[in-house]
């Protein structure tokens, strides 16, 4: 299976777009800067909500009001991060797919997404009973803590990818 992933990564790497990103002396660093801005928007807005879910910040605000305000910004940041991250990835895809930190970053992204899905599908069903509570119930706080933990790990793993060389 890894061999097929490597072939797919090599094909991406051989595209004209990937060659342009890789050969340009300025495009990769620009993508990197844009990626950091996108991630800051994603992690900043998610952290605001997670800290509210934990009961550590914005305790006077409704969880739903805060979530409604932050979610559009989160998705904008996510789109920016995905686009810029994809451009950086394709420039050296066959290398990145073999880097354990890169692989783990996507494991934690999947865990964060699963946590968000479970939270939005199950936990929010009872939001009327805890929406304005300064300290939400334990399952809500656990979702916030898990999300915050995943995003902290994602940042560290993503940063570590840059330190791994061929």
C-alpha atoms as a PDB file:
ATOM      1  CA  UNK A   1       0.000   0.000   0.000  1.00  0.00           C
ATOM      2  CA  UNK A   2       2.817   2.435   0.855  1.00  0.00           C
ATOM      3  CA  UNK A   3       4.279   1.757  -2.588  1.00  0.00           C
ATOM      4  CA  UNK A   4       1.052   2.962  -4.230  1.00  0.00           C
ATOM      5  CA  UNK A   5       1.049   6.071  -2.027  1.00  0.00           C
ATOM      6  CA  UNK A   6       4.652   6.741  -3.057  1.00  0.00           C
ATOM      7  CA  UNK A   7       3.710   6.378  -6.749  1.00  0.00           C
ATOM      8  CA  UNK A   8       0.793   8.772  -6.282  1.00  0.00           C
ATOM      9  CA  UNK A   9       3.080  11.222  -4.452  1.00  0.00           C
ATOM     10  CA  UNK A  10       5.685  11.003  -7.253  1.00  0.00           C
ATOM     11  CA  UNK A  11       2.976  11.718  -9.835  1.00  0.00           C
ATOM     12  CA  UNK A  12       1.920  14.806  -7.871  1.00  0.00           C
ATOM     13  CA  UNK A  13       5.526  15.894  -7.598  1.00  0.00           C
ATOM     14  CA  UNK A  14       5.967  15.598 -11.365  1.00  0.00           C
ATOM     15  CA  UNK A  15       3.115  17.990 -12.121  1.00  0.00           C
ATOM     16  CA  UNK A  16       3.924  21.391 -13.584  1.00  0.00           C
ATOM     17  CA  UNK A  17       2.389  23.131 -10.552  1.00  0.00           C
ATOM     18  CA  UNK A  18       4.610  21.158  -8.162  1.00  0.00           C
ATOM     19  CA  UNK A  19       7.669  21.865 -10.289  1.00  0.00           C
ATOM     20  CA  UNK A  20       6.843  25.585 -10.236  1.00  0.00           C
ATOM     21  CA  UNK A  21       6.496  25.623  -6.428  1.00  0.00           C
ATOM     22  CA  UNK A  22       9.681  23.582  -5.966  1.00  0.00           C
ATOM     23  CA  UNK A  23      11.811  25.553  -8.417  1.00  0.00           C
ATOM     24  CA  UNK A  24      10.696  29.012  -7.404  1.00  0.00           C
ATOM     25  CA  UNK A  25      12.908  30.708  -4.857  1.00  0.00           C
ATOM     26  CA  UNK A  26       9.987  32.616  -3.350  1.00  0.00           C
ATOM     27  CA  UNK A  27       6.775  30.611  -3.862  1.00  0.00           C
ATOM     28  CA  UNK A  28       7.375  27.964  -1.170  1.00  0.00           C
ATOM     29  CA  UNK A  29       8.213  30.548   1.542  1.00  0.00           C
ATOM     30  CA  UNK A  30       5.125  32.571   0.539  1.00  0.00           C
ATOM     31  CA  UNK A  31       2.988  29.427   0.833  1.00  0.00           C
ATOM     32  CA  UNK A  32       4.578  28.740   4.204  1.00  0.00           C
ATOM     33  CA  UNK A  33       3.688  32.217   5.476  1.00  0.00           C
ATOM     34  CA  UNK A  34       0.131  31.938   4.178  1.00  0.00           C
ATOM     35  CA  UNK A  35      -0.138  28.489   5.775  1.00  0.00           C
ATOM     36  CA  UNK A  36       0.877  29.913   9.147  1.00  0.00           C
ATOM     37  CA  UNK A  37      -1.741  32.672   8.823  1.00  0.00           C
ATOM     38  CA  UNK A  38      -4.417  30.102   7.939  1.00  0.00           C
ATOM     39  CA  UNK A  39      -3.412  27.884  10.859  1.00  0.00           C
ATOM     40  CA  UNK A  40      -3.399  30.843  13.234  1.00  0.00           C
ATOM     41  CA  UNK A  41      -6.964  31.619  12.181  1.00  0.00           C
ATOM     42  CA  UNK A  42      -8.044  27.973  12.551  1.00  0.00           C
ATOM     43  CA  UNK A  43      -6.341  27.360  15.863  1.00  0.00           C
ATOM     44  CA  UNK A  44      -7.165  30.790  17.268  1.00  0.00           C
ATOM     45  CA  UNK A  45     -10.890  30.466  16.600  1.00  0.00           C
ATOM     46  CA  UNK A  46     -11.041  26.834  17.689  1.00  0.00           C
ATOM     47  CA  UNK A  47      -9.151  27.703  20.873  1.00  0.00           C
ATOM     48  CA  UNK A  48     -11.643  30.463  21.691  1.00  0.00           C
ATOM     49  CA  UNK A  49     -14.488  27.929  21.492  1.00  0.00           C
ATOM     50  CA  UNK A  50     -12.532  25.176  23.270  1.00  0.00           C
ATOM     51  CA  UNK A  51     -11.601  27.469  26.148  1.00  0.00           C
ATOM     52  CA  UNK A  52     -15.294  28.376  26.468  1.00  0.00           C
ATOM     53  CA  UNK A  53     -16.246  24.683  26.441  1.00  0.00           C
ATOM     54  CA  UNK A  54     -13.741  24.115  29.234  1.00  0.00           C
ATOM     55  CA  UNK A  55     -15.294  26.963  31.208  1.00  0.00           C
ATOM     56  CA  UNK A  56     -11.983  28.845  31.289  1.00  0.00           C
ATOM     57  CA  UNK A  57     -12.844  31.877  29.139  1.00  0.00           C
ATOM     58  CA  UNK A  58     -15.825  33.854  27.811  1.00  0.00           C
ATOM     59  CA  UNK A  59     -17.952  32.357  30.595  1.00  0.00           C
ATOM     60  CA  UNK A  60     -20.542  35.103  30.251  1.00  0.00           C
ATOM     61  CA  UNK A  61     -21.166  34.202  26.588  1.00  0.00           C
ATOM     62  CA  UNK A  62     -23.420  31.546  25.164  1.00  0.00           C
ATOM     63  CA  UNK A  63     -21.507  28.620  23.656  1.00  0.00           C
ATOM     64  CA  UNK A  64     -23.768  28.652  20.603  1.00  0.00           C
ATOM     65  CA  UNK A  65     -23.373  32.395  19.996  1.00  0.00           C
ATOM     66  CA  UNK A  66     -19.606  32.097  20.283  1.00  0.00           C
ATOM     67  CA  UNK A  67     -19.542  29.051  18.008  1.00  0.00           C
ATOM     68  CA  UNK A  68     -21.700  30.777  15.384  1.00  0.00           C
ATOM     69  CA  UNK A  69     -19.321  33.737  15.361  1.00  0.00           C
ATOM     70  CA  UNK A  70     -16.119  31.682  15.184  1.00  0.00           C
ATOM     71  CA  UNK A  71     -17.105  28.880  12.788  1.00  0.00           C
ATOM     72  CA  UNK A  72     -17.074  30.941   9.554  1.00  0.00           C
ATOM     73  CA  UNK A  73     -13.601  32.272  10.424  1.00  0.00           C
ATOM     74  CA  UNK A  74     -12.454  28.747  11.256  1.00  0.00           C
ATOM     75  CA  UNK A  75     -13.557  27.481   7.839  1.00  0.00           C
ATOM     76  CA  UNK A  76     -11.889  30.417   6.052  1.00  0.00           C
ATOM     77  CA  UNK A  77      -8.647  29.690   7.909  1.00  0.00           C
ATOM     78  CA  UNK A  78      -8.999  25.986   7.180  1.00  0.00           C
ATOM     79  CA  UNK A  79      -9.431  26.662   3.462  1.00  0.00           C
ATOM     80  CA  UNK A  80      -6.348  28.901   3.444  1.00  0.00           C
ATOM     81  CA  UNK A  81      -4.320  26.268   5.341  1.00  0.00           C
ATOM     82  CA  UNK A  82      -5.437  23.416   3.068  1.00  0.00           C
ATOM     83  CA  UNK A  83      -4.672  25.312  -0.126  1.00  0.00           C
ATOM     84  CA  UNK A  84      -1.258  26.568   0.993  1.00  0.00           C
ATOM     85  CA  UNK A  85      -0.402  23.239   2.649  1.00  0.00           C
ATOM     86  CA  UNK A  86      -1.295  21.355  -0.523  1.00  0.00           C
ATOM     87  CA  UNK A  87       0.992  23.569  -2.583  1.00  0.00           C
ATOM     88  CA  UNK A  88       3.869  22.954  -0.181  1.00  0.00           C
ATOM     89  CA  UNK A  89       3.115  19.224  -0.056  1.00  0.00           C
ATOM     90  CA  UNK A  90       3.096  18.650  -3.815  1.00  0.00           C
ATOM     91  CA  UNK A  91       6.511  20.281  -4.165  1.00  0.00           C
ATOM     92  CA  UNK A  92       8.115  17.324  -2.361  1.00  0.00           C
ATOM     93  CA  UNK A  93       5.254  14.863  -1.893  1.00  0.00           C
ATOM     94  CA  UNK A  94       7.284  11.641  -2.059  1.00  0.00           C
ATOM     95  CA  UNK A  95       9.429  12.869   0.814  1.00  0.00           C
ATOM     96  CA  UNK A  96       6.546  14.099   2.987  1.00  0.00           C
ATOM     97  CA  UNK A  97       4.505  10.889   2.779  1.00  0.00           C
ATOM     98  CA  UNK A  98       7.419   8.996   4.339  1.00  0.00           C
ATOM     99  CA  UNK A  99       7.906  11.398   7.264  1.00  0.00           C
ATOM    100  CA  UNK A 100       6.379  10.026  10.476  1.00  0.00           C
ATOM    101  CA  UNK A 101       5.618  13.518  11.835  1.00  0.00           C
ATOM    102  CA  UNK A 102       3.677  14.317   8.665  1.00  0.00           C
ATOM    103  CA  UNK A 103       1.738  11.058   8.971  1.00  0.00           C
ATOM    104  CA  UNK A 104       0.985  11.658  12.656  1.00  0.00           C
ATOM    105  CA  UNK A 105      -0.150  15.200  11.903  1.00  0.00           C
ATOM    106  CA  UNK A 106      -2.884  13.751   9.697  1.00  0.00           C
ATOM    107  CA  UNK A 107      -3.815  11.157  12.316  1.00  0.00           C
ATOM    108  CA  UNK A 108      -4.390  13.991  14.794  1.00  0.00           C
ATOM    109  CA  UNK A 109      -6.246  16.040  12.172  1.00  0.00           C
ATOM    110  CA  UNK A 110      -8.552  13.055  11.690  1.00  0.00           C
ATOM    111  CA  UNK A 111      -9.005  12.721  15.472  1.00  0.00           C
ATOM    112  CA  UNK A 112      -9.809  16.446  15.756  1.00  0.00           C
ATOM    113  CA  UNK A 113     -12.327  16.116  12.907  1.00  0.00           C
ATOM    114  CA  UNK A 114     -13.918  13.048  14.516  1.00  0.00           C
ATOM    115  CA  UNK A 115     -14.131  14.882  17.842  1.00  0.00           C
ATOM    116  CA  UNK A 116     -15.822  17.827  16.099  1.00  0.00           C
ATOM    117  CA  UNK A 117     -18.251  15.503  14.318  1.00  0.00           C
ATOM    118  CA  UNK A 118     -19.202  13.688  17.535  1.00  0.00           C
ATOM    119  CA  UNK A 119     -19.548  17.007  19.335  1.00  0.00           C
ATOM    120  CA  UNK A 120     -21.802  18.527  16.659  1.00  0.00           C
ATOM    121  CA  UNK A 121     -23.900  15.382  16.141  1.00  0.00           C
ATOM    122  CA  UNK A 122     -24.241  14.125  19.720  1.00  0.00           C
ATOM    123  CA  UNK A 123     -23.083  16.563  22.372  1.00  0.00           C
ATOM    124  CA  UNK A 124     -24.862  19.614  20.953  1.00  0.00           C
ATOM    125  CA  UNK A 125     -28.215  17.804  21.252  1.00  0.00           C
ATOM    126  CA  UNK A 126     -28.338  18.837  24.903  1.00  0.00           C
ATOM    127  CA  UNK A 127     -26.954  22.359  24.382  1.00  0.00           C
ATOM    128  CA  UNK A 128     -30.119  24.064  25.672  1.00  0.00           C
ATOM    129  CA  UNK A 129     -29.391  22.747  29.170  1.00  0.00           C
ATOM    130  CA  UNK A 130     -25.771  24.003  29.344  1.00  0.00           C
ATOM    131  CA  UNK A 131     -25.391  26.711  26.671  1.00  0.00           C
ATOM    132  CA  UNK A 132     -25.023  29.555  29.185  1.00  0.00           C
ATOM    133  CA  UNK A 133     -23.551  27.563  32.054  1.00  0.00           C
ATOM    134  CA  UNK A 134     -20.194  29.043  33.144  1.00  0.00           C
ATOM    135  CA  UNK A 135     -18.879  25.500  33.565  1.00  0.00           C
ATOM    136  CA  UNK A 136     -20.391  23.070  31.030  1.00  0.00           C
ATOM    137  CA  UNK A 137     -20.904  19.354  31.817  1.00  0.00           C
ATOM    138  CA  UNK A 138     -17.948  16.959  31.802  1.00  0.00           C
ATOM    139  CA  UNK A 139     -18.564  15.531  28.272  1.00  0.00           C
ATOM    140  CA  UNK A 140     -18.557  19.074  26.869  1.00  0.00           C
ATOM    141  CA  UNK A 141     -15.373  19.981  28.723  1.00  0.00           C
ATOM    142  CA  UNK A 142     -13.774  16.711  27.599  1.00  0.00           C
ATOM    143  CA  UNK A 143     -14.560  17.535  23.955  1.00  0.00           C
ATOM    144  CA  UNK A 144     -12.985  20.973  24.379  1.00  0.00           C
ATOM    145  CA  UNK A 145      -9.897  19.554  26.084  1.00  0.00           C
ATOM    146  CA  UNK A 146      -9.484  16.830  23.463  1.00  0.00           C
ATOM    147  CA  UNK A 147      -9.825  19.349  20.628  1.00  0.00           C
ATOM    148  CA  UNK A 148      -7.353  21.759  22.180  1.00  0.00           C
ATOM    149  CA  UNK A 149      -4.897  18.918  22.797  1.00  0.00           C
ATOM    150  CA  UNK A 150      -5.187  17.667  19.215  1.00  0.00           C
ATOM    151  CA  UNK A 151      -4.529  21.121  17.769  1.00  0.00           C
ATOM    152  CA  UNK A 152      -1.509  21.699  19.991  1.00  0.00           C
ATOM    153  CA  UNK A 153      -0.084  18.358  18.855  1.00  0.00           C
ATOM    154  CA  UNK A 154      -0.890  19.170  15.204  1.00  0.00           C
ATOM    155  CA  UNK A 155       1.087  22.410  15.453  1.00  0.00           C
ATOM    156  CA  UNK A 156       4.100  20.666  16.997  1.00  0.00           C
ATOM    157  CA  UNK A 157       4.042  17.829  14.469  1.00  0.00           C
ATOM    158  CA  UNK A 158       3.591  20.199  11.547  1.00  0.00           C
ATOM    159  CA  UNK A 159       6.486  22.314  12.704  1.00  0.00           C
ATOM    160  CA  UNK A 160       8.636  19.233  13.178  1.00  0.00           C
ATOM    161  CA  UNK A 161       8.068  18.183   9.550  1.00  0.00           C
ATOM    162  CA  UNK A 162      10.169  21.171   8.502  1.00  0.00           C
ATOM    163  CA  UNK A 163      13.143  19.856  10.448  1.00  0.00           C
ATOM    164  CA  UNK A 164      13.235  16.495   8.685  1.00  0.00           C
ATOM    165  CA  UNK A 165      15.478  16.510   5.621  1.00  0.00           C
ATOM    166  CA  UNK A 166      16.105  13.878   2.947  1.00  0.00           C
END
